[in-house]
N, C-alpha and C. Protein backbone atom coordinates (compact mmCIF):
# COMPACT_ATOMS: atom_id res chain seq x y z
N MET A 1 38.97 30.54 37.89
CA MET A 1 39.61 30.10 36.20
C MET A 1 39.11 30.45 35.47
N ILE A 2 38.33 30.93 34.76
CA ILE A 2 37.80 32.10 34.14
C ILE A 2 37.71 33.67 34.39
N SER A 3 38.96 34.31 33.28
CA SER A 3 39.42 35.56 33.27
C SER A 3 38.99 36.28 31.86
N ILE A 4 38.64 37.50 31.95
CA ILE A 4 39.43 37.91 30.53
C ILE A 4 40.36 38.42 29.89
N ASP A 5 40.94 37.98 29.15
CA ASP A 5 42.18 37.51 28.53
C ASP A 5 43.02 38.40 27.88
N ASP A 6 43.75 38.01 27.16
CA ASP A 6 44.28 38.89 25.80
C ASP A 6 44.83 37.66 24.49
N PRO A 7 43.78 37.60 23.53
CA PRO A 7 44.16 37.04 22.41
C PRO A 7 45.54 36.62 22.10
N ARG A 8 45.99 37.59 22.11
CA ARG A 8 47.32 37.61 21.15
C ARG A 8 48.17 37.02 22.14
N ALA A 9 48.27 36.87 23.08
CA ALA A 9 49.07 36.50 23.81
C ALA A 9 49.50 35.15 23.34
N ASP A 10 50.87 34.73 23.38
CA ASP A 10 50.87 33.19 22.79
C ASP A 10 50.51 31.85 23.33
N ASP A 11 50.32 31.90 24.40
CA ASP A 11 49.46 30.42 24.47
C ASP A 11 47.93 30.77 23.84
N VAL A 12 47.37 31.64 24.23
CA VAL A 12 46.20 31.71 23.91
C VAL A 12 46.18 31.10 22.24
N ARG A 13 46.74 32.33 21.90
CA ARG A 13 47.09 32.51 20.30
C ARG A 13 46.76 31.10 19.69
N ALA A 14 47.75 29.85 20.15
CA ALA A 14 47.98 28.47 19.74
C ALA A 14 46.83 27.78 19.72
N LEU A 15 45.87 28.06 21.12
CA LEU A 15 44.98 27.69 21.54
C LEU A 15 43.95 27.96 19.96
N LEU A 16 43.92 29.49 19.64
CA LEU A 16 42.95 29.72 19.10
C LEU A 16 43.56 29.46 17.30
N GLU A 17 44.68 29.05 17.02
CA GLU A 17 44.55 28.30 15.86
C GLU A 17 44.75 27.43 15.85
N ARG A 18 44.76 26.27 16.52
CA ARG A 18 43.89 25.31 16.43
C ARG A 18 42.57 25.45 16.83
N HIS A 19 41.64 26.30 16.86
CA HIS A 19 40.20 26.57 16.99
C HIS A 19 39.83 27.20 15.33
N LEU A 20 40.84 27.93 14.68
CA LEU A 20 40.38 28.10 13.42
C LEU A 20 41.28 27.00 12.51
N ALA A 21 41.60 26.22 12.32
CA ALA A 21 42.44 24.60 11.94
C ALA A 21 41.27 24.51 11.60
N PHE A 22 40.78 24.00 12.95
CA PHE A 22 39.64 23.29 13.02
C PHE A 22 38.50 23.53 12.53
N ALA A 23 38.06 24.54 12.66
CA ALA A 23 36.79 25.09 11.15
C ALA A 23 37.47 25.13 10.12
N ARG A 24 38.56 25.51 9.50
CA ARG A 24 38.84 25.50 8.34
C ARG A 24 38.65 24.16 8.00
N ALA A 25 39.57 22.96 8.94
CA ALA A 25 38.88 21.46 8.52
C ALA A 25 37.50 21.07 8.06
N THR A 26 37.15 21.59 8.62
CA THR A 26 35.17 21.09 8.93
C THR A 26 34.34 21.57 8.19
N THR A 27 34.64 22.41 7.49
CA THR A 27 33.77 23.97 6.95
C THR A 27 34.54 24.29 5.90
N ARG A 28 33.25 24.57 4.92
CA ARG A 28 33.24 24.89 3.39
C ARG A 28 33.93 26.80 4.10
N PRO A 29 35.40 27.47 3.29
CA PRO A 29 35.72 28.47 3.31
C PRO A 29 34.76 29.41 3.49
N GLU A 30 33.89 29.87 2.68
CA GLU A 30 32.77 31.06 2.92
C GLU A 30 32.07 30.45 3.91
N ASP A 31 31.81 29.75 4.98
CA ASP A 31 31.23 29.58 5.47
C ASP A 31 32.24 29.87 7.21
N VAL A 32 33.46 30.01 7.58
CA VAL A 32 34.43 29.74 8.40
C VAL A 32 34.24 31.34 9.21
N TYR A 33 33.23 31.34 10.09
CA TYR A 33 32.66 32.71 10.62
C TYR A 33 33.37 32.78 11.89
N ALA A 34 34.32 31.80 12.47
CA ALA A 34 35.55 32.06 14.20
C ALA A 34 36.47 33.43 13.66
N LEU A 35 36.60 34.31 14.82
CA LEU A 35 37.03 35.25 14.69
C LEU A 35 38.40 35.01 15.09
N ASP A 36 39.44 35.65 14.14
CA ASP A 36 41.14 35.90 14.25
C ASP A 36 41.26 36.59 15.28
N VAL A 37 42.98 36.66 15.77
CA VAL A 37 43.58 37.24 17.11
C VAL A 37 42.68 39.35 16.97
N ASP A 38 43.24 39.27 15.56
CA ASP A 38 42.59 41.08 15.50
C ASP A 38 40.78 41.24 16.12
N GLY A 39 40.08 40.03 15.26
CA GLY A 39 38.82 40.68 15.67
C GLY A 39 38.53 40.26 17.34
N LEU A 40 38.97 39.39 17.68
CA LEU A 40 39.12 39.03 19.06
C LEU A 40 39.35 39.77 20.09
N ALA A 41 40.49 40.84 19.26
CA ALA A 41 40.66 41.92 20.01
C ALA A 41 39.79 43.42 19.81
N ASP A 42 38.99 43.47 19.30
CA ASP A 42 38.12 44.52 19.10
C ASP A 42 37.36 45.02 20.28
N PRO A 43 37.36 46.32 20.30
CA PRO A 43 37.14 46.92 21.46
C PRO A 43 35.35 46.23 22.10
N GLY A 44 34.10 46.35 20.71
CA GLY A 44 33.09 44.98 21.16
C GLY A 44 33.21 43.99 21.10
N VAL A 45 34.06 43.39 21.80
CA VAL A 45 33.84 41.79 21.61
C VAL A 45 35.08 41.89 23.30
N THR A 46 34.54 41.13 24.03
CA THR A 46 34.92 40.47 25.42
C THR A 46 35.33 39.32 25.66
N PHE A 47 36.77 39.01 25.47
CA PHE A 47 37.76 37.50 25.43
C PHE A 47 38.07 36.90 26.27
N PHE A 48 37.52 35.99 26.93
CA PHE A 48 37.95 34.87 28.15
C PHE A 48 38.73 33.95 27.67
N SER A 49 39.54 33.37 28.44
CA SER A 49 39.97 32.27 29.15
C SER A 49 39.62 31.19 30.04
N TYR A 50 39.72 29.91 29.84
CA TYR A 50 39.83 29.15 31.12
C TYR A 50 41.03 28.69 31.50
N ARG A 51 41.90 28.71 32.50
CA ARG A 51 42.72 28.27 33.00
C ARG A 51 43.06 27.53 34.54
N ASP A 52 43.70 26.04 33.82
CA ASP A 52 43.54 25.45 35.05
C ASP A 52 45.48 25.24 35.35
N ASP A 53 45.97 26.32 36.56
CA ASP A 53 46.81 26.21 37.25
C ASP A 53 48.00 26.70 36.11
N GLY A 54 47.07 27.68 35.37
CA GLY A 54 47.64 28.65 34.52
C GLY A 54 47.76 28.34 33.23
N ARG A 55 47.41 27.42 32.40
CA ARG A 55 47.33 26.58 31.51
C ARG A 55 45.95 26.96 30.81
N VAL A 56 46.35 27.58 29.65
CA VAL A 56 44.74 27.85 28.94
C VAL A 56 44.46 26.92 28.56
N LEU A 57 42.81 26.11 28.83
CA LEU A 57 42.16 25.14 28.14
C LEU A 57 41.02 25.08 27.43
N GLY A 58 40.90 26.52 27.50
CA GLY A 58 39.15 27.35 26.53
C GLY A 58 38.87 28.71 26.67
N VAL A 59 38.39 28.63 25.35
CA VAL A 59 38.36 30.40 25.02
C VAL A 59 36.84 30.39 24.77
N ALA A 60 36.39 31.32 25.12
CA ALA A 60 35.20 31.94 24.62
C ALA A 60 35.20 33.28 24.68
N ALA A 61 34.21 34.30 23.92
CA ALA A 61 34.02 35.36 23.70
C ALA A 61 32.47 36.37 23.39
N LEU A 62 32.29 37.80 24.46
CA LEU A 62 31.50 38.08 23.70
C LEU A 62 30.96 39.57 22.96
N LYS A 63 30.33 39.26 21.86
CA LYS A 63 30.25 40.45 20.98
C LYS A 63 29.13 40.85 21.12
N ARG A 64 29.48 42.19 20.88
CA ARG A 64 28.36 42.98 21.16
C ARG A 64 28.05 42.88 19.50
N ILE A 65 26.61 43.29 19.59
CA ILE A 65 25.84 43.40 18.71
C ILE A 65 24.91 45.19 18.31
N ASP A 66 24.20 44.62 19.44
CA ASP A 66 23.41 46.37 19.49
C ASP A 66 23.10 46.35 21.45
N GLU A 67 22.74 47.13 21.20
CA GLU A 67 21.81 47.26 22.58
C GLU A 67 21.37 46.02 23.43
N GLU A 68 20.30 45.42 22.88
CA GLU A 68 19.58 44.25 23.00
C GLU A 68 20.31 43.13 22.82
N HIS A 69 21.24 43.12 22.24
CA HIS A 69 21.30 41.84 21.27
C HIS A 69 23.07 41.37 21.14
N ALA A 70 23.94 40.38 21.60
CA ALA A 70 25.02 39.79 21.62
C ALA A 70 25.18 38.62 20.84
N GLU A 71 26.40 38.64 20.64
CA GLU A 71 26.46 36.68 20.18
C GLU A 71 27.65 36.33 21.43
N LEU A 72 27.07 34.69 21.55
CA LEU A 72 28.74 34.14 21.97
C LEU A 72 29.59 33.26 20.32
N LYS A 73 31.16 33.96 21.14
CA LYS A 73 31.68 33.59 19.57
C LYS A 73 33.07 32.63 20.44
N SER A 74 33.66 32.23 19.22
CA SER A 74 34.78 31.56 19.27
C SER A 74 34.84 30.58 20.70
N MET A 75 33.95 29.62 21.03
CA MET A 75 34.25 28.70 21.85
C MET A 75 34.97 27.78 21.48
N HIS A 76 36.50 27.53 22.09
CA HIS A 76 37.25 25.94 21.77
C HIS A 76 37.36 25.40 23.47
N THR A 77 37.74 24.43 23.30
CA THR A 77 37.85 23.71 24.77
C THR A 77 39.52 22.90 24.24
N ALA A 78 40.26 23.22 24.36
CA ALA A 78 41.99 22.10 24.44
C ALA A 78 41.28 20.47 24.16
N GLU A 79 41.25 19.44 22.61
CA GLU A 79 41.23 18.27 22.60
C GLU A 79 41.59 17.79 24.24
N GLU A 80 42.50 18.04 24.93
CA GLU A 80 42.97 16.84 25.63
C GLU A 80 42.14 17.90 26.86
N ALA A 81 41.64 18.41 26.94
CA ALA A 81 40.78 18.66 27.98
C ALA A 81 39.23 18.70 28.23
N ARG A 82 38.60 17.73 27.05
CA ARG A 82 37.48 18.15 26.47
C ARG A 82 36.85 16.67 27.84
N GLY A 83 35.24 17.36 27.70
CA GLY A 83 34.83 16.11 29.19
C GLY A 83 35.10 16.53 29.99
N ARG A 84 35.54 18.06 30.25
CA ARG A 84 35.83 17.90 32.25
C ARG A 84 35.24 19.31 31.97
N GLY A 85 34.12 19.54 31.48
CA GLY A 85 33.32 20.65 32.31
C GLY A 85 33.66 22.20 31.56
N ILE A 86 35.20 22.07 30.76
CA ILE A 86 35.36 23.26 30.54
C ILE A 86 34.00 23.95 29.62
N ALA A 87 33.44 23.81 28.90
CA ALA A 87 32.73 24.41 27.65
C ALA A 87 31.61 24.75 28.92
N ARG A 88 31.15 24.04 29.01
CA ARG A 88 29.67 24.05 29.91
C ARG A 88 30.15 25.32 31.08
N ALA A 89 30.80 25.46 31.43
CA ALA A 89 31.45 26.82 32.68
C ALA A 89 31.75 27.90 31.45
N LEU A 90 32.47 27.44 30.54
CA LEU A 90 32.21 28.95 29.27
C LEU A 90 31.29 29.29 28.96
N VAL A 91 29.99 28.05 28.69
CA VAL A 91 29.02 29.21 28.50
C VAL A 91 27.78 29.59 29.52
N GLU A 92 28.12 28.85 30.38
CA GLU A 92 27.63 29.45 31.66
C GLU A 92 27.96 31.10 31.75
N HIS A 93 29.45 31.19 32.23
CA HIS A 93 29.86 32.31 32.22
C HIS A 93 29.29 33.19 31.46
N ILE A 94 29.21 32.84 30.17
CA ILE A 94 29.07 33.97 29.07
C ILE A 94 28.00 34.52 29.18
N VAL A 95 27.05 33.42 29.26
CA VAL A 95 25.19 34.03 29.67
C VAL A 95 24.58 35.08 30.62
N GLY A 96 26.04 34.70 32.33
CA GLY A 96 25.52 35.17 32.87
C GLY A 96 26.14 36.66 32.47
N LEU A 97 27.22 36.60 31.91
CA LEU A 97 27.48 38.16 31.78
C LEU A 97 26.89 39.03 30.92
N ALA A 98 26.43 38.09 29.82
CA ALA A 98 25.58 39.23 29.21
C ALA A 98 24.48 39.53 29.58
N ARG A 99 23.76 38.49 30.48
CA ARG A 99 22.66 38.85 31.19
C ARG A 99 22.99 40.50 32.31
N GLU A 100 24.34 40.27 32.89
CA GLU A 100 24.77 41.18 33.55
C GLU A 100 24.68 42.66 33.06
N ARG A 101 24.95 42.98 32.06
CA ARG A 101 25.27 43.54 31.13
C ARG A 101 23.91 44.36 29.98
N GLY A 102 22.71 43.22 30.63
CA GLY A 102 21.79 43.83 29.99
C GLY A 102 21.07 43.46 28.59
N TYR A 103 21.44 42.75 27.94
CA TYR A 103 20.97 41.64 26.67
C TYR A 103 19.72 41.14 27.28
N LYS A 104 19.03 41.37 26.15
CA LYS A 104 18.21 40.89 25.98
C LYS A 104 18.18 39.18 25.33
N ARG A 105 19.27 38.99 24.32
CA ARG A 105 19.22 38.22 23.83
C ARG A 105 20.94 37.39 23.43
N LEU A 106 21.70 36.38 23.44
CA LEU A 106 22.21 35.65 22.66
C LEU A 106 22.15 34.47 21.92
N SER A 107 23.10 35.24 20.97
CA SER A 107 22.54 34.11 19.58
C SER A 107 24.37 33.69 19.63
N LEU A 108 24.47 32.46 18.68
CA LEU A 108 25.68 32.18 18.11
C LEU A 108 25.55 31.37 16.40
N GLU A 109 26.40 31.36 15.96
CA GLU A 109 26.72 30.55 15.11
C GLU A 109 27.28 29.14 14.67
N THR A 110 27.33 28.08 14.54
CA THR A 110 28.30 27.01 14.56
C THR A 110 28.20 26.07 13.24
N GLY A 111 28.78 25.08 13.68
CA GLY A 111 28.78 24.45 12.32
C GLY A 111 27.55 23.23 11.92
N SER A 112 27.04 23.13 11.46
CA SER A 112 25.93 21.87 10.96
C SER A 112 25.89 20.65 10.86
N GLY A 113 27.50 20.24 10.59
CA GLY A 113 27.64 18.95 10.34
C GLY A 113 27.74 18.11 11.67
N PRO A 114 28.26 16.92 11.39
CA PRO A 114 28.45 16.12 12.51
C PRO A 114 29.56 16.51 13.57
N ALA A 115 30.61 17.29 13.12
CA ALA A 115 32.17 17.22 13.69
C ALA A 115 31.03 18.67 14.80
N PHE A 116 30.54 19.17 14.48
CA PHE A 116 29.53 20.58 15.58
C PHE A 116 29.14 19.91 16.37
N GLU A 117 28.45 18.56 16.25
CA GLU A 117 27.17 17.46 16.96
C GLU A 117 27.27 18.01 17.95
N PRO A 118 28.64 17.61 19.14
CA PRO A 118 28.60 18.12 20.18
C PRO A 118 28.83 19.48 21.24
N ALA A 119 28.95 20.37 20.43
CA ALA A 119 28.96 21.87 20.37
C ALA A 119 26.85 22.26 20.30
N ARG A 120 26.58 22.00 19.59
CA ARG A 120 24.92 21.86 19.28
C ARG A 120 24.07 21.51 20.51
N ALA A 121 25.04 20.35 21.37
CA ALA A 121 23.80 19.72 22.24
C ALA A 121 24.43 20.58 23.36
N LEU A 122 25.49 21.02 23.38
CA LEU A 122 26.16 21.67 24.76
C LEU A 122 25.17 22.90 24.52
N TYR A 123 25.32 23.79 23.66
CA TYR A 123 24.09 25.05 23.22
C TYR A 123 22.52 24.49 23.78
N ALA A 124 22.35 23.51 22.70
CA ALA A 124 20.79 23.23 23.49
C ALA A 124 20.79 22.93 24.85
N SER A 125 21.67 22.01 25.52
CA SER A 125 21.65 21.90 26.76
C SER A 125 21.49 23.40 28.20
N ALA A 126 21.83 24.36 26.85
CA ALA A 126 22.74 25.21 28.27
C ALA A 126 20.82 26.22 27.60
N GLY A 127 19.74 25.99 26.70
CA GLY A 127 18.97 26.81 26.71
C GLY A 127 18.53 27.17 25.27
N PHE A 128 19.95 27.15 24.30
CA PHE A 128 19.88 27.90 23.00
C PHE A 128 18.77 27.02 22.19
N ALA A 129 18.24 27.75 20.96
CA ALA A 129 16.91 26.87 20.48
C ALA A 129 17.65 28.08 19.18
N SER A 130 17.40 26.99 18.25
CA SER A 130 17.50 27.23 16.55
C SER A 130 16.99 28.38 16.28
N CYS A 131 17.36 29.05 15.36
CA CYS A 131 16.76 30.56 14.72
C CYS A 131 17.50 30.07 13.33
N GLU A 132 16.94 31.78 12.89
CA GLU A 132 17.01 31.99 11.70
C GLU A 132 18.44 32.76 11.81
N ALA A 133 19.14 32.94 10.57
CA ALA A 133 20.41 33.90 10.34
C ALA A 133 20.32 34.96 11.41
N PHE A 134 21.12 35.66 11.90
CA PHE A 134 21.02 36.62 12.24
C PHE A 134 22.13 37.92 12.17
N GLY A 135 21.77 39.32 12.66
CA GLY A 135 23.09 39.76 12.06
C GLY A 135 23.76 40.05 11.02
N ASP A 136 24.71 40.18 10.76
CA ASP A 136 25.49 39.94 9.35
C ASP A 136 25.50 38.64 8.58
N TYR A 137 24.52 37.51 9.02
CA TYR A 137 25.06 36.34 8.72
C TYR A 137 24.16 35.95 7.23
N THR A 138 24.47 34.72 6.95
CA THR A 138 23.33 34.61 5.85
C THR A 138 23.00 33.10 6.06
N PRO A 139 21.46 32.88 5.48
CA PRO A 139 21.39 31.79 5.39
C PRO A 139 22.46 30.85 5.03
N SER A 140 23.28 29.77 5.86
CA SER A 140 23.57 28.61 4.63
C SER A 140 22.66 27.03 5.21
N PRO A 141 23.52 25.69 4.71
CA PRO A 141 23.12 24.61 5.39
C PRO A 141 24.05 24.48 5.62
N ASN A 142 25.45 24.85 5.72
CA ASN A 142 26.64 25.00 6.85
C ASN A 142 27.09 25.04 8.33
N SER A 143 25.59 26.39 8.46
CA SER A 143 25.45 26.75 9.68
C SER A 143 24.33 26.30 9.74
N ALA A 144 24.81 26.86 11.53
CA ALA A 144 23.56 26.06 12.94
C ALA A 144 23.81 27.53 13.75
N TYR A 145 22.06 27.98 13.44
CA TYR A 145 22.36 29.66 14.29
C TYR A 145 20.99 29.11 15.66
N MET A 146 21.02 29.71 16.96
CA MET A 146 20.99 29.52 17.92
C MET A 146 20.41 30.83 18.51
N THR A 147 19.64 30.75 19.78
CA THR A 147 19.89 31.41 20.31
C THR A 147 18.73 31.85 21.64
N LEU A 148 18.97 32.62 22.43
CA LEU A 148 18.61 32.26 23.79
C LEU A 148 18.21 33.68 24.52
N ALA A 149 16.98 33.34 24.42
CA ALA A 149 16.20 34.68 25.21
C ALA A 149 16.88 34.49 26.80
N LEU A 150 17.19 36.25 26.53
CA LEU A 150 17.73 36.46 28.15
C LEU A 150 16.57 37.15 29.23
């Protein structure tokens, strides 16, 4: 059900547009770090979808920061499919892939507001802990940064 996919595919693009709309509706513009389709098609990013019976229900990506550090990006589950374990499956898949690729650390940035509480709870339950801003991020009260030692 989880496989590498093309972020430019029409059905994937539609879900990514909902992801970006959610991010823009709940976060100040300068603190929206969700990748667009071109960013997800970058060679340094591996993009995945979760499909059920051919229908895309979730997406996530693994972005290389350096030889030892990667980032979990663009996690989103279709609203109508939430509560079915799709996000957990995607997180576990990305963590497993990061380990296979030899990364020592996997980090992420998400929102700090109430709309992102379910995401932060999911990441914490998967072993991610709060950390300082990493990579090209700058500290912001609107962002929560988390990391997992692999």
